[in-house]
N, C-alpha and C. Protein backbone atom coordinates (compact mmCIF):
# COMPACT_ATOMS: atom_id res chain seq x y z
N MET A 1 18.08 202.42 206.82
CA MET A 1 17.58 202.74 205.51
C MET A 1 16.86 201.54 204.88
N ILE A 2 17.42 200.36 205.01
CA ILE A 2 16.80 199.17 204.41
C ILE A 2 15.48 198.84 205.10
N GLN A 3 15.33 199.28 206.35
CA GLN A 3 14.10 198.99 207.09
C GLN A 3 12.89 199.66 206.45
N ASN A 4 13.10 200.75 205.73
CA ASN A 4 11.99 201.44 205.06
C ASN A 4 11.45 200.63 203.89
N TYR A 5 12.28 199.77 203.31
CA TYR A 5 11.88 199.00 202.13
C TYR A 5 11.35 197.61 202.46
N VAL A 6 11.44 197.17 203.71
CA VAL A 6 10.95 195.85 204.10
C VAL A 6 9.45 195.70 203.85
N PRO A 7 8.61 196.67 204.24
CA PRO A 7 7.17 196.51 203.95
C PRO A 7 6.87 196.42 202.44
N ILE A 8 7.61 197.16 201.64
CA ILE A 8 7.41 197.10 200.19
C ILE A 8 7.79 195.72 199.67
N GLY A 9 8.89 195.18 200.15
CA GLY A 9 9.32 193.83 199.76
C GLY A 9 8.31 192.78 200.16
N ILE A 10 7.76 192.92 201.37
CA ILE A 10 6.75 191.97 201.84
C ILE A 10 5.51 192.04 200.95
N MET A 11 5.08 193.25 200.59
CA MET A 11 3.90 193.39 199.73
C MET A 11 4.14 192.80 198.34
N ILE A 12 5.34 192.98 197.80
CA ILE A 12 5.67 192.41 196.49
C ILE A 12 5.63 190.88 196.56
N VAL A 13 6.23 190.31 197.59
CA VAL A 13 6.23 188.85 197.74
C VAL A 13 4.82 188.33 197.93
N LEU A 14 4.01 189.00 198.75
CA LEU A 14 2.62 188.58 198.96
C LEU A 14 1.81 188.70 197.66
N GLY A 15 2.04 189.75 196.90
CA GLY A 15 1.32 189.91 195.63
C GLY A 15 1.66 188.82 194.64
N ILE A 16 2.94 188.49 194.52
CA ILE A 16 3.36 187.42 193.61
C ILE A 16 2.80 186.08 194.09
N ALA A 17 2.87 185.81 195.39
CA ALA A 17 2.35 184.55 195.93
C ALA A 17 0.84 184.46 195.70
N PHE A 18 0.11 185.54 195.93
CA PHE A 18 -1.33 185.53 195.70
C PHE A 18 -1.65 185.26 194.24
N GLY A 19 -0.92 185.89 193.33
CA GLY A 19 -1.15 185.65 191.90
C GLY A 19 -0.90 184.21 191.51
N VAL A 20 0.17 183.62 192.01
CA VAL A 20 0.50 182.23 191.68
C VAL A 20 -0.54 181.30 192.27
N VAL A 21 -0.92 181.51 193.53
CA VAL A 21 -1.89 180.63 194.18
C VAL A 21 -3.24 180.71 193.47
N MET A 22 -3.70 181.90 193.13
CA MET A 22 -5.00 182.04 192.48
C MET A 22 -5.00 181.46 191.06
N SER A 23 -3.88 181.59 190.36
CA SER A 23 -3.85 181.03 189.01
C SER A 23 -3.74 179.50 189.01
N LYS A 24 -3.21 178.93 190.05
CA LYS A 24 -3.07 177.48 190.14
C LYS A 24 -4.20 176.82 190.93
N ALA A 25 -5.07 177.59 191.58
CA ALA A 25 -6.12 177.01 192.43
C ALA A 25 -7.07 176.13 191.64
N SER A 26 -7.48 176.56 190.45
CA SER A 26 -8.41 175.74 189.68
C SER A 26 -7.74 174.46 189.21
N GLU A 27 -6.45 174.52 188.94
CA GLU A 27 -5.73 173.32 188.54
C GLU A 27 -5.60 172.34 189.70
N TRP A 28 -5.39 172.87 190.89
CA TRP A 28 -5.22 172.01 192.06
C TRP A 28 -6.54 171.41 192.54
N PHE A 29 -7.60 172.22 192.59
CA PHE A 29 -8.85 171.80 193.21
C PHE A 29 -9.95 171.43 192.22
N GLY A 30 -9.81 171.77 190.97
CA GLY A 30 -10.85 171.53 189.97
C GLY A 30 -10.91 170.08 189.55
N PRO A 31 -12.07 169.69 188.96
CA PRO A 31 -12.20 168.31 188.50
C PRO A 31 -11.27 168.04 187.32
N LYS A 32 -10.78 166.82 187.26
CA LYS A 32 -9.84 166.44 186.21
C LYS A 32 -10.43 165.27 185.43
N ASN A 33 -11.26 165.57 184.44
CA ASN A 33 -11.82 164.53 183.59
C ASN A 33 -11.76 164.98 182.13
N PRO A 34 -10.57 164.91 181.54
CA PRO A 34 -10.44 165.35 180.15
C PRO A 34 -11.22 164.44 179.20
N HIS A 35 -11.76 165.01 178.16
CA HIS A 35 -12.55 164.29 177.18
C HIS A 35 -12.19 164.89 175.82
N SER A 36 -12.32 164.09 174.77
CA SER A 36 -11.93 164.58 173.44
C SER A 36 -12.75 165.79 173.02
N GLU A 37 -14.03 165.85 173.41
CA GLU A 37 -14.87 167.00 173.07
C GLU A 37 -14.40 168.25 173.81
N LYS A 38 -13.97 168.10 175.05
CA LYS A 38 -13.51 169.24 175.82
C LYS A 38 -12.17 169.76 175.30
N LEU A 39 -11.34 168.87 174.81
CA LEU A 39 -10.01 169.26 174.36
C LEU A 39 -9.98 169.71 172.90
N SER A 40 -11.09 169.60 172.18
CA SER A 40 -11.10 169.99 170.78
C SER A 40 -11.24 171.51 170.64
N THR A 41 -10.79 172.02 169.52
CA THR A 41 -10.89 173.45 169.25
C THR A 41 -12.31 173.79 168.87
N TYR A 42 -12.83 174.86 169.44
CA TYR A 42 -14.20 175.28 169.13
C TYR A 42 -14.14 176.55 168.29
N GLU A 43 -14.67 176.50 167.09
CA GLU A 43 -14.69 177.66 166.20
C GLU A 43 -16.10 177.88 165.70
N SER A 44 -16.93 178.46 166.52
CA SER A 44 -18.31 178.79 166.17
C SER A 44 -19.10 177.55 165.75
N GLY A 45 -18.82 176.42 166.34
CA GLY A 45 -19.55 175.21 166.03
C GLY A 45 -19.09 174.50 164.78
N MET A 46 -18.06 175.01 164.12
CA MET A 46 -17.57 174.40 162.89
C MET A 46 -16.32 173.59 163.19
N GLU A 47 -16.16 172.53 162.45
CA GLU A 47 -14.95 171.72 162.61
C GLU A 47 -13.74 172.53 162.13
N PRO A 48 -12.65 172.51 162.89
CA PRO A 48 -11.46 173.23 162.45
C PRO A 48 -10.89 172.63 161.17
N VAL A 49 -10.54 173.48 160.23
CA VAL A 49 -9.99 173.04 158.96
C VAL A 49 -8.59 173.63 158.84
N GLY A 50 -7.63 172.82 158.52
CA GLY A 50 -6.26 173.30 158.34
C GLY A 50 -5.54 173.47 159.66
N THR A 51 -4.42 174.13 159.58
CA THR A 51 -3.58 174.32 160.76
C THR A 51 -3.80 175.71 161.36
N ALA A 52 -3.48 175.82 162.62
CA ALA A 52 -3.58 177.12 163.29
C ALA A 52 -2.36 177.98 163.01
N ARG A 53 -1.38 177.43 162.35
CA ARG A 53 -0.13 178.14 162.05
C ARG A 53 -0.17 178.81 160.68
N GLU A 54 -1.32 179.30 160.29
CA GLU A 54 -1.48 179.94 158.99
C GLU A 54 -0.75 181.28 158.97
N ARG A 55 -0.11 181.57 157.87
CA ARG A 55 0.62 182.83 157.74
C ARG A 55 -0.33 183.94 157.31
N PHE A 56 -0.13 185.12 157.90
CA PHE A 56 -0.90 186.29 157.53
C PHE A 56 -0.04 187.18 156.66
N SER A 57 -0.69 187.97 155.86
CA SER A 57 0.01 188.92 155.00
C SER A 57 0.66 190.00 155.87
N VAL A 58 1.77 190.52 155.39
CA VAL A 58 2.46 191.59 156.11
C VAL A 58 1.57 192.83 156.15
N LYS A 59 0.72 193.01 155.15
CA LYS A 59 -0.17 194.17 155.13
C LYS A 59 -1.13 194.17 156.32
N PHE A 60 -1.52 192.99 156.77
CA PHE A 60 -2.38 192.91 157.95
C PHE A 60 -1.68 193.54 159.14
N TYR A 61 -0.42 193.20 159.34
CA TYR A 61 0.34 193.75 160.46
C TYR A 61 0.62 195.24 160.25
N MET A 62 0.84 195.66 159.01
CA MET A 62 1.06 197.08 158.73
C MET A 62 -0.16 197.90 159.12
N VAL A 63 -1.33 197.44 158.73
CA VAL A 63 -2.55 198.17 159.06
C VAL A 63 -2.75 198.19 160.57
N ALA A 64 -2.46 197.09 161.24
CA ALA A 64 -2.62 197.04 162.70
C ALA A 64 -1.67 198.02 163.38
N VAL A 65 -0.42 198.04 162.96
CA VAL A 65 0.56 198.95 163.55
C VAL A 65 0.19 200.40 163.26
N LEU A 66 -0.23 200.69 162.04
CA LEU A 66 -0.64 202.05 161.70
C LEU A 66 -1.85 202.48 162.52
N PHE A 67 -2.79 201.58 162.72
CA PHE A 67 -3.95 201.90 163.55
C PHE A 67 -3.51 202.26 164.95
N ILE A 68 -2.63 201.47 165.52
CA ILE A 68 -2.16 201.74 166.89
C ILE A 68 -1.43 203.07 166.95
N ILE A 69 -0.56 203.33 165.97
CA ILE A 69 0.19 204.58 165.97
C ILE A 69 -0.75 205.77 165.90
N PHE A 70 -1.68 205.78 164.95
CA PHE A 70 -2.57 206.93 164.80
C PHE A 70 -3.56 207.01 165.96
N ASP A 71 -3.93 205.89 166.55
CA ASP A 71 -4.83 205.90 167.68
C ASP A 71 -4.14 206.49 168.91
N VAL A 72 -2.90 206.12 169.14
CA VAL A 72 -2.16 206.66 170.28
C VAL A 72 -1.90 208.15 170.09
N GLU A 73 -1.66 208.57 168.87
CA GLU A 73 -1.42 209.98 168.62
C GLU A 73 -2.66 210.82 168.94
N VAL A 74 -3.83 210.28 168.70
CA VAL A 74 -5.06 211.01 169.00
C VAL A 74 -5.22 211.20 170.50
N VAL A 75 -4.66 210.29 171.30
CA VAL A 75 -4.73 210.41 172.75
C VAL A 75 -4.03 211.69 173.22
N PHE A 76 -3.02 212.13 172.50
CA PHE A 76 -2.31 213.35 172.87
C PHE A 76 -3.17 214.60 172.67
N LEU A 77 -4.24 214.49 171.91
CA LEU A 77 -5.11 215.64 171.70
C LEU A 77 -5.96 215.95 172.94
N TYR A 78 -6.25 214.96 173.75
CA TYR A 78 -7.13 215.18 174.91
C TYR A 78 -6.52 216.14 175.94
N PRO A 79 -5.28 215.90 176.42
CA PRO A 79 -4.73 216.86 177.39
C PRO A 79 -4.58 218.26 176.80
N TRP A 80 -4.28 218.32 175.51
CA TRP A 80 -4.17 219.62 174.86
C TRP A 80 -5.51 220.33 174.87
N ALA A 81 -6.58 219.60 174.57
CA ALA A 81 -7.91 220.21 174.55
C ALA A 81 -8.34 220.67 175.94
N VAL A 82 -7.95 219.93 176.97
CA VAL A 82 -8.30 220.30 178.34
C VAL A 82 -7.60 221.59 178.75
N ASN A 83 -6.34 221.76 178.36
CA ASN A 83 -5.54 222.92 178.74
C ASN A 83 -5.41 223.93 177.61
N PHE A 84 -6.34 223.94 176.70
CA PHE A 84 -6.23 224.77 175.50
C PHE A 84 -6.08 226.25 175.85
N ARG A 85 -6.88 226.77 176.76
CA ARG A 85 -6.83 228.20 177.08
C ARG A 85 -5.53 228.59 177.77
N GLU A 86 -5.02 227.73 178.65
CA GLU A 86 -3.79 228.07 179.37
C GLU A 86 -2.55 228.01 178.48
N LEU A 87 -2.58 227.20 177.44
CA LEU A 87 -1.42 227.05 176.56
C LEU A 87 -1.26 228.23 175.62
N GLY A 88 -2.34 228.87 175.29
CA GLY A 88 -2.28 230.07 174.46
C GLY A 88 -1.90 229.79 173.02
N VAL A 89 -1.31 230.80 172.38
CA VAL A 89 -0.96 230.72 170.97
C VAL A 89 0.16 229.70 170.74
N PHE A 90 1.11 229.62 171.65
CA PHE A 90 2.21 228.67 171.50
C PHE A 90 1.67 227.23 171.50
N GLY A 91 0.75 226.92 172.41
CA GLY A 91 0.15 225.59 172.46
C GLY A 91 -0.62 225.28 171.20
N PHE A 92 -1.33 226.29 170.68
CA PHE A 92 -2.07 226.08 169.45
C PHE A 92 -1.14 225.82 168.28
N ALA A 93 -0.05 226.58 168.20
CA ALA A 93 0.92 226.40 167.11
C ALA A 93 1.59 225.02 167.22
N ALA A 94 1.94 224.62 168.41
CA ALA A 94 2.59 223.32 168.60
C ALA A 94 1.64 222.19 168.19
N MET A 95 0.38 222.29 168.55
CA MET A 95 -0.57 221.25 168.18
C MET A 95 -0.86 221.29 166.68
N ALA A 96 -0.85 222.48 166.09
CA ALA A 96 -1.04 222.57 164.64
C ALA A 96 0.09 221.87 163.91
N VAL A 97 1.32 222.06 164.38
CA VAL A 97 2.48 221.37 163.78
C VAL A 97 2.33 219.86 163.96
N PHE A 98 1.88 219.44 165.14
CA PHE A 98 1.68 218.03 165.43
C PHE A 98 0.64 217.42 164.50
N ILE A 99 -0.49 218.10 164.32
CA ILE A 99 -1.56 217.58 163.46
C ILE A 99 -1.13 217.57 162.00
N VAL A 100 -0.41 218.59 161.57
CA VAL A 100 0.07 218.63 160.18
C VAL A 100 1.04 217.48 159.95
N THR A 101 1.91 217.21 160.92
CA THR A 101 2.84 216.09 160.79
C THR A 101 2.07 214.76 160.71
N LEU A 102 1.04 214.61 161.53
CA LEU A 102 0.21 213.40 161.47
C LEU A 102 -0.46 213.27 160.10
N LEU A 103 -1.00 214.35 159.60
CA LEU A 103 -1.67 214.30 158.30
C LEU A 103 -0.70 213.99 157.18
N LEU A 104 0.51 214.54 157.24
CA LEU A 104 1.53 214.23 156.23
C LEU A 104 1.91 212.75 156.29
N GLY A 105 2.06 212.22 157.51
CA GLY A 105 2.36 210.80 157.66
C GLY A 105 1.24 209.93 157.13
N PHE A 106 0.00 210.32 157.40
CA PHE A 106 -1.14 209.57 156.91
C PHE A 106 -1.22 209.62 155.38
N ALA A 107 -0.96 210.79 154.80
CA ALA A 107 -0.97 210.92 153.34
C ALA A 107 0.13 210.06 152.72
N TYR A 108 1.31 210.03 153.34
CA TYR A 108 2.42 209.22 152.85
C TYR A 108 2.05 207.73 152.86
N VAL A 109 1.48 207.28 153.97
CA VAL A 109 1.08 205.87 154.10
C VAL A 109 0.02 205.53 153.07
N TRP A 110 -0.92 206.45 152.86
CA TRP A 110 -1.99 206.22 151.90
C TRP A 110 -1.44 206.13 150.48
N ARG A 111 -0.52 207.04 150.13
CA ARG A 111 0.06 207.04 148.78
C ARG A 111 0.90 205.80 148.53
N LYS A 112 1.56 205.29 149.56
CA LYS A 112 2.37 204.07 149.42
C LYS A 112 1.52 202.82 149.29
N GLY A 113 0.23 202.93 149.59
CA GLY A 113 -0.67 201.78 149.45
C GLY A 113 -0.65 200.85 150.64
N ALA A 114 -0.19 201.32 151.80
CA ALA A 114 -0.12 200.45 152.97
C ALA A 114 -1.50 200.12 153.53
N LEU A 115 -2.51 200.86 153.14
CA LEU A 115 -3.86 200.62 153.65
C LEU A 115 -4.70 199.78 152.70
N GLU A 116 -4.12 199.32 151.60
CA GLU A 116 -4.85 198.49 150.65
C GLU A 116 -4.89 197.04 151.14
N TRP A 117 -6.06 196.40 151.03
CA TRP A 117 -6.23 195.04 151.51
C TRP A 117 -6.10 193.98 150.42
N ASP A 118 -5.98 194.35 149.19
CA ASP A 118 -5.95 193.33 148.12
C ASP A 118 -4.61 192.77 147.92
């Protein structure tokens, strides 16, 4: 039984080894001449001002999470649209409930002011 898994184990080990070797190849074989200009932060040609550890508002993260949630939910519409005829009335009703739930969630988020940037 274990003999069936030996090729899989070999492929996993080879894949990990290949990933490590390729990620370290430039470090091993590349030129090593660090310079202050090369090591400085580049921000569109402007000198960096302040620290990179600046705090962001929680609203920024809220909008990002809400975007991801509503974006992923829209992905569920594609398989439904492809199989729309085969699903019949039950599929239509289930998707209607799904869309109404999404719209209610969106209205709730909007009323709470989670999408406001000020």
